Amino acid sequence: MAKNPYERFNQSELILRDELAIDRTLLSNERTLLAYLRSAVALMITGASIIHFANQGWFLAVGFTCIPGSLMISLIGLLRFRKMNKSISVVRYRLKEIKNECRN
């Protein structure tokens, strides 16, 4: 399987619809990152609240596992965002090169 999911497209045949699809993909990638970060913040707040109001030992254990879990979720989100953003940037760069060649 190809590392870049966009390698299968012939770059010389991209039209406006394809450019707009790339823009939508960029926006959805950012939206996914924000969802990861939102989940991480919610989990961190949950962990801090559980620790603050815990009366029993197992509540503390749950609270203390939520905080590293939130850090892990945010790291996973950032890594996925960077990986996808790199793939999209490669396609956009190739598209700009082809447009410049067509103008000349």
N, C-alpha and C. Protein backbone atom coordinates (compact mmCIF):
# COMPACT_ATOMS: atom_id res chain seq x y z
N MET A 1 0.84 -1.18 0.00
CA MET A 1 0.00 0.00 0.00
C MET A 1 0.88 1.24 0.00
N ALA A 2 0.49 2.25 -0.71
CA ALA A 2 1.28 3.48 -0.83
C ALA A 2 1.25 4.26 0.48
N LYS A 3 2.36 4.92 0.77
CA LYS A 3 2.43 5.73 1.98
C LYS A 3 1.57 6.97 1.85
N ASN A 4 1.54 7.56 0.67
CA ASN A 4 0.75 8.76 0.43
C ASN A 4 -0.54 8.37 -0.27
N PRO A 5 -1.68 8.62 0.33
CA PRO A 5 -2.93 8.18 -0.30
C PRO A 5 -3.27 8.92 -1.59
N TYR A 6 -2.58 10.01 -1.88
CA TYR A 6 -2.90 10.81 -3.07
C TYR A 6 -1.99 10.50 -4.25
N GLU A 7 -1.08 9.54 -4.11
CA GLU A 7 -0.16 9.22 -5.19
C GLU A 7 -0.86 8.63 -6.40
N ARG A 8 -2.04 8.08 -6.20
CA ARG A 8 -2.73 7.41 -7.31
C ARG A 8 -3.31 8.37 -8.32
N PHE A 9 -3.40 9.66 -7.97
CA PHE A 9 -3.98 10.63 -8.88
C PHE A 9 -2.93 11.19 -9.82
N ASN A 10 -3.30 11.33 -11.07
CA ASN A 10 -2.43 11.96 -12.04
C ASN A 10 -2.51 13.47 -11.81
N GLN A 11 -1.42 14.06 -11.40
CA GLN A 11 -1.43 15.46 -10.99
C GLN A 11 -1.75 16.41 -12.14
N SER A 12 -1.49 16.01 -13.36
CA SER A 12 -1.74 16.91 -14.48
C SER A 12 -3.23 17.01 -14.79
N GLU A 13 -4.04 16.12 -14.24
CA GLU A 13 -5.47 16.13 -14.53
C GLU A 13 -6.31 16.76 -13.42
N LEU A 14 -5.67 17.36 -12.42
CA LEU A 14 -6.43 17.96 -11.33
C LEU A 14 -7.13 19.23 -11.82
N ILE A 15 -8.38 19.39 -11.42
CA ILE A 15 -9.16 20.56 -11.79
C ILE A 15 -9.62 21.26 -10.52
N LEU A 16 -10.42 22.30 -10.67
CA LEU A 16 -10.87 23.09 -9.53
C LEU A 16 -11.57 22.23 -8.49
N ARG A 17 -12.37 21.30 -8.91
CA ARG A 17 -13.08 20.41 -7.99
C ARG A 17 -12.09 19.66 -7.11
N ASP A 18 -10.98 19.22 -7.70
CA ASP A 18 -9.97 18.50 -6.95
C ASP A 18 -9.25 19.41 -5.96
N GLU A 19 -8.99 20.65 -6.38
CA GLU A 19 -8.36 21.60 -5.46
C GLU A 19 -9.26 21.88 -4.27
N LEU A 20 -10.55 22.02 -4.53
CA LEU A 20 -11.49 22.26 -3.44
C LEU A 20 -11.58 21.04 -2.52
N ALA A 21 -11.45 19.86 -3.09
CA ALA A 21 -11.45 18.65 -2.27
C ALA A 21 -10.24 18.63 -1.35
N ILE A 22 -9.10 19.09 -1.85
CA ILE A 22 -7.90 19.16 -1.02
C ILE A 22 -8.11 20.17 0.10
N ASP A 23 -8.75 21.30 -0.21
CA ASP A 23 -9.05 22.28 0.83
C ASP A 23 -9.98 21.70 1.89
N ARG A 24 -10.99 20.96 1.46
CA ARG A 24 -11.89 20.33 2.42
C ARG A 24 -11.16 19.31 3.28
N THR A 25 -10.22 18.61 2.67
CA THR A 25 -9.43 17.64 3.42
C THR A 25 -8.56 18.34 4.47
N LEU A 26 -7.99 19.48 4.10
CA LEU A 26 -7.22 20.25 5.08
C LEU A 26 -8.08 20.68 6.25
N LEU A 27 -9.27 21.17 5.96
CA LEU A 27 -10.16 21.61 7.02
C LEU A 27 -10.62 20.44 7.89
N SER A 28 -10.88 19.32 7.28
CA SER A 28 -11.30 18.17 8.08
C SER A 28 -10.16 17.64 8.94
N ASN A 29 -8.93 17.77 8.43
CA ASN A 29 -7.76 17.37 9.22
C ASN A 29 -7.63 18.27 10.46
N GLU A 30 -7.83 19.56 10.27
CA GLU A 30 -7.77 20.48 11.41
C GLU A 30 -8.91 20.22 12.39
N ARG A 31 -10.07 19.92 11.85
CA ARG A 31 -11.24 19.63 12.71
C ARG A 31 -10.99 18.36 13.54
N THR A 32 -10.34 17.38 12.93
CA THR A 32 -10.03 16.15 13.65
C THR A 32 -9.02 16.42 14.76
N LEU A 33 -8.03 17.26 14.49
CA LEU A 33 -7.06 17.63 15.52
C LEU A 33 -7.76 18.31 16.69
N LEU A 34 -8.66 19.23 16.39
CA LEU A 34 -9.38 19.92 17.45
C LEU A 34 -10.25 18.96 18.26
N ALA A 35 -10.80 17.95 17.61
CA ALA A 35 -11.60 16.96 18.34
C ALA A 35 -10.72 16.15 19.29
N TYR A 36 -9.53 15.79 18.82
CA TYR A 36 -8.58 15.09 19.71
C TYR A 36 -8.23 15.96 20.91
N LEU A 37 -7.91 17.22 20.65
CA LEU A 37 -7.53 18.11 21.74
C LEU A 37 -8.70 18.37 22.69
N ARG A 38 -9.89 18.50 22.15
CA ARG A 38 -11.07 18.68 23.00
C ARG A 38 -11.28 17.48 23.90
N SER A 39 -11.11 16.29 23.35
CA SER A 39 -11.26 15.07 24.15
C SER A 39 -10.18 14.99 25.23
N ALA A 40 -8.96 15.39 24.88
CA ALA A 40 -7.87 15.35 25.84
C ALA A 40 -8.12 16.33 26.99
N VAL A 41 -8.59 17.51 26.68
CA VAL A 41 -8.87 18.50 27.72
C VAL A 41 -10.01 18.02 28.62
N ALA A 42 -11.04 17.44 28.02
CA ALA A 42 -12.16 16.93 28.81
C ALA A 42 -11.71 15.80 29.74
N LEU A 43 -10.84 14.94 29.23
CA LEU A 43 -10.34 13.85 30.06
C LEU A 43 -9.45 14.37 31.19
N MET A 44 -8.66 15.40 30.90
CA MET A 44 -7.81 15.97 31.94
C MET A 44 -8.67 16.64 33.03
N ILE A 45 -9.69 17.36 32.62
CA ILE A 45 -10.58 18.00 33.60
C ILE A 45 -11.31 16.93 34.42
N THR A 46 -11.71 15.86 33.76
CA THR A 46 -12.37 14.77 34.47
C THR A 46 -11.43 14.16 35.51
N GLY A 47 -10.19 13.92 35.11
CA GLY A 47 -9.21 13.36 36.04
C GLY A 47 -8.95 14.28 37.22
N ALA A 48 -8.80 15.57 36.96
CA ALA A 48 -8.56 16.52 38.05
C ALA A 48 -9.77 16.61 38.98
N SER A 49 -10.97 16.56 38.43
CA SER A 49 -12.18 16.60 39.26
C SER A 49 -12.30 15.35 40.12
N ILE A 50 -12.02 14.21 39.53
CA ILE A 50 -12.10 12.96 40.30
C ILE A 50 -11.08 12.98 41.43
N ILE A 51 -9.87 13.44 41.14
CA ILE A 51 -8.84 13.51 42.19
C ILE A 51 -9.27 14.46 43.30
N HIS A 52 -9.84 15.57 42.92
CA HIS A 52 -10.23 16.57 43.92
C HIS A 52 -11.35 16.08 44.83
N PHE A 53 -12.33 15.38 44.27
CA PHE A 53 -13.48 14.97 45.05
C PHE A 53 -13.45 13.50 45.49
N ALA A 54 -12.34 12.82 45.29
CA ALA A 54 -12.26 11.39 45.60
C ALA A 54 -12.26 11.15 47.11
N ASN A 55 -13.07 10.18 47.51
CA ASN A 55 -13.11 9.76 48.91
C ASN A 55 -12.52 8.37 49.08
N GLN A 56 -12.45 7.62 48.01
CA GLN A 56 -11.95 6.26 48.07
C GLN A 56 -10.69 6.12 47.22
N GLY A 57 -9.90 5.12 47.52
CA GLY A 57 -8.62 4.92 46.84
C GLY A 57 -8.74 4.62 45.37
N TRP A 58 -9.77 3.86 44.99
CA TRP A 58 -9.87 3.51 43.58
C TRP A 58 -10.29 4.70 42.73
N PHE A 59 -11.00 5.68 43.34
CA PHE A 59 -11.30 6.92 42.61
C PHE A 59 -10.02 7.67 42.28
N LEU A 60 -9.10 7.70 43.25
CA LEU A 60 -7.81 8.36 42.99
C LEU A 60 -7.06 7.67 41.85
N ALA A 61 -7.11 6.34 41.82
CA ALA A 61 -6.43 5.60 40.75
C ALA A 61 -7.03 5.95 39.39
N VAL A 62 -8.35 6.05 39.34
CA VAL A 62 -9.02 6.41 38.08
C VAL A 62 -8.62 7.83 37.68
N GLY A 63 -8.62 8.75 38.65
CA GLY A 63 -8.24 10.13 38.36
C GLY A 63 -6.81 10.27 37.87
N PHE A 64 -5.91 9.51 38.51
CA PHE A 64 -4.50 9.60 38.11
C PHE A 64 -4.22 8.88 36.79
N THR A 65 -5.08 8.00 36.35
CA THR A 65 -4.90 7.41 35.02
C THR A 65 -5.52 8.26 33.92
N CYS A 66 -6.48 9.11 34.27
CA CYS A 66 -7.10 9.98 33.26
C CYS A 66 -6.11 11.03 32.75
N ILE A 67 -5.28 11.54 33.63
CA ILE A 67 -4.37 12.62 33.22
C ILE A 67 -3.32 12.14 32.22
N PRO A 68 -2.59 11.04 32.46
CA PRO A 68 -1.67 10.57 31.41
C PRO A 68 -2.41 10.14 30.14
N GLY A 69 -3.63 9.62 30.32
CA GLY A 69 -4.43 9.26 29.14
C GLY A 69 -4.73 10.46 28.28
N SER A 70 -5.01 11.59 28.92
CA SER A 70 -5.29 12.80 28.14
C SER A 70 -4.05 13.29 27.40
N LEU A 71 -2.90 13.16 28.04
CA LEU A 71 -1.66 13.55 27.36
C LEU A 71 -1.37 12.64 26.18
N MET A 72 -1.67 11.36 26.35
CA MET A 72 -1.45 10.41 25.26
C MET A 72 -2.40 10.69 24.09
N ILE A 73 -3.65 11.00 24.39
CA ILE A 73 -4.62 11.31 23.34
C ILE A 73 -4.19 12.56 22.56
N SER A 74 -3.73 13.58 23.27
CA SER A 74 -3.29 14.79 22.56
C SER A 74 -2.06 14.52 21.71
N LEU A 75 -1.15 13.68 22.18
CA LEU A 75 0.04 13.34 21.40
C LEU A 75 -0.34 12.55 20.15
N ILE A 76 -1.25 11.61 20.29
CA ILE A 76 -1.71 10.84 19.13
C ILE A 76 -2.37 11.76 18.11
N GLY A 77 -3.20 12.68 18.58
CA GLY A 77 -3.85 13.62 17.67
C GLY A 77 -2.86 14.50 16.92
N LEU A 78 -1.85 14.99 17.63
CA LEU A 78 -0.84 15.83 16.99
C LEU A 78 -0.03 15.05 15.96
N LEU A 79 0.33 13.81 16.29
CA LEU A 79 1.10 13.00 15.34
C LEU A 79 0.29 12.67 14.09
N ARG A 80 -0.98 12.33 14.27
CA ARG A 80 -1.82 12.05 13.10
C ARG A 80 -2.03 13.29 12.25
N PHE A 81 -2.19 14.45 12.91
CA PHE A 81 -2.36 15.70 12.18
C PHE A 81 -1.12 15.99 11.33
N ARG A 82 0.05 15.88 11.94
CA ARG A 82 1.28 16.17 11.20
C ARG A 82 1.49 15.22 10.04
N LYS A 83 1.18 13.93 10.25
CA LYS A 83 1.35 12.95 9.17
C LYS A 83 0.43 13.26 7.99
N MET A 84 -0.83 13.54 8.28
CA MET A 84 -1.79 13.83 7.21
C MET A 84 -1.48 15.18 6.55
N ASN A 85 -1.08 16.15 7.35
CA ASN A 85 -0.76 17.47 6.81
C ASN A 85 0.43 17.39 5.86
N LYS A 86 1.38 16.54 6.17
CA LYS A 86 2.54 16.35 5.29
C LYS A 86 2.10 15.74 3.95
N SER A 87 1.21 14.76 4.00
CA SER A 87 0.71 14.14 2.77
C SER A 87 -0.04 15.14 1.91
N ILE A 88 -0.86 15.96 2.55
CA ILE A 88 -1.63 16.96 1.81
C ILE A 88 -0.71 18.02 1.22
N SER A 89 0.31 18.41 1.95
CA SER A 89 1.25 19.42 1.46
C SER A 89 2.00 18.94 0.22
N VAL A 90 2.32 17.66 0.18
CA VAL A 90 3.00 17.09 -0.99
C VAL A 90 2.11 17.23 -2.22
N VAL A 91 0.84 16.94 -2.07
CA VAL A 91 -0.09 17.03 -3.20
C VAL A 91 -0.24 18.49 -3.64
N ARG A 92 -0.37 19.39 -2.69
CA ARG A 92 -0.53 20.81 -3.05
C ARG A 92 0.72 21.34 -3.75
N TYR A 93 1.89 20.93 -3.30
CA TYR A 93 3.13 21.39 -3.92
C TYR A 93 3.23 20.89 -5.35
N ARG A 94 2.88 19.61 -5.56
CA ARG A 94 2.90 19.06 -6.92
C ARG A 94 1.90 19.77 -7.81
N LEU A 95 0.75 20.09 -7.26
CA LEU A 95 -0.28 20.79 -8.03
C LEU A 95 0.21 22.17 -8.45
N LYS A 96 0.89 22.89 -7.57
CA LYS A 96 1.42 24.21 -7.91
C LYS A 96 2.50 24.11 -8.97
N GLU A 97 3.34 23.07 -8.88
CA GLU A 97 4.38 22.88 -9.90
C GLU A 97 3.76 22.65 -11.27
N ILE A 98 2.73 21.84 -11.33
CA ILE A 98 2.08 21.54 -12.60
C ILE A 98 1.41 22.77 -13.16
N LYS A 99 0.79 23.58 -12.33
CA LYS A 99 0.16 24.81 -12.80
C LYS A 99 1.19 25.77 -13.38
N ASN A 100 2.34 25.86 -12.72
CA ASN A 100 3.39 26.74 -13.22
C ASN A 100 3.95 26.23 -14.56
N GLU A 101 4.05 24.92 -14.73
CA GLU A 101 4.51 24.36 -15.99
C GLU A 101 3.51 24.63 -17.11
N CYS A 102 2.23 24.55 -16.78
CA CYS A 102 1.19 24.77 -17.79
C CYS A 102 1.16 26.24 -18.24
N ARG A 103 1.48 27.15 -17.34
CA ARG A 103 1.49 28.59 -17.70
C ARG A 103 2.65 28.92 -18.61
N ASN A 104 3.73 28.20 -18.49
CA ASN A 104 4.92 28.52 -19.32
C ASN A 104 4.85 27.93 -20.67
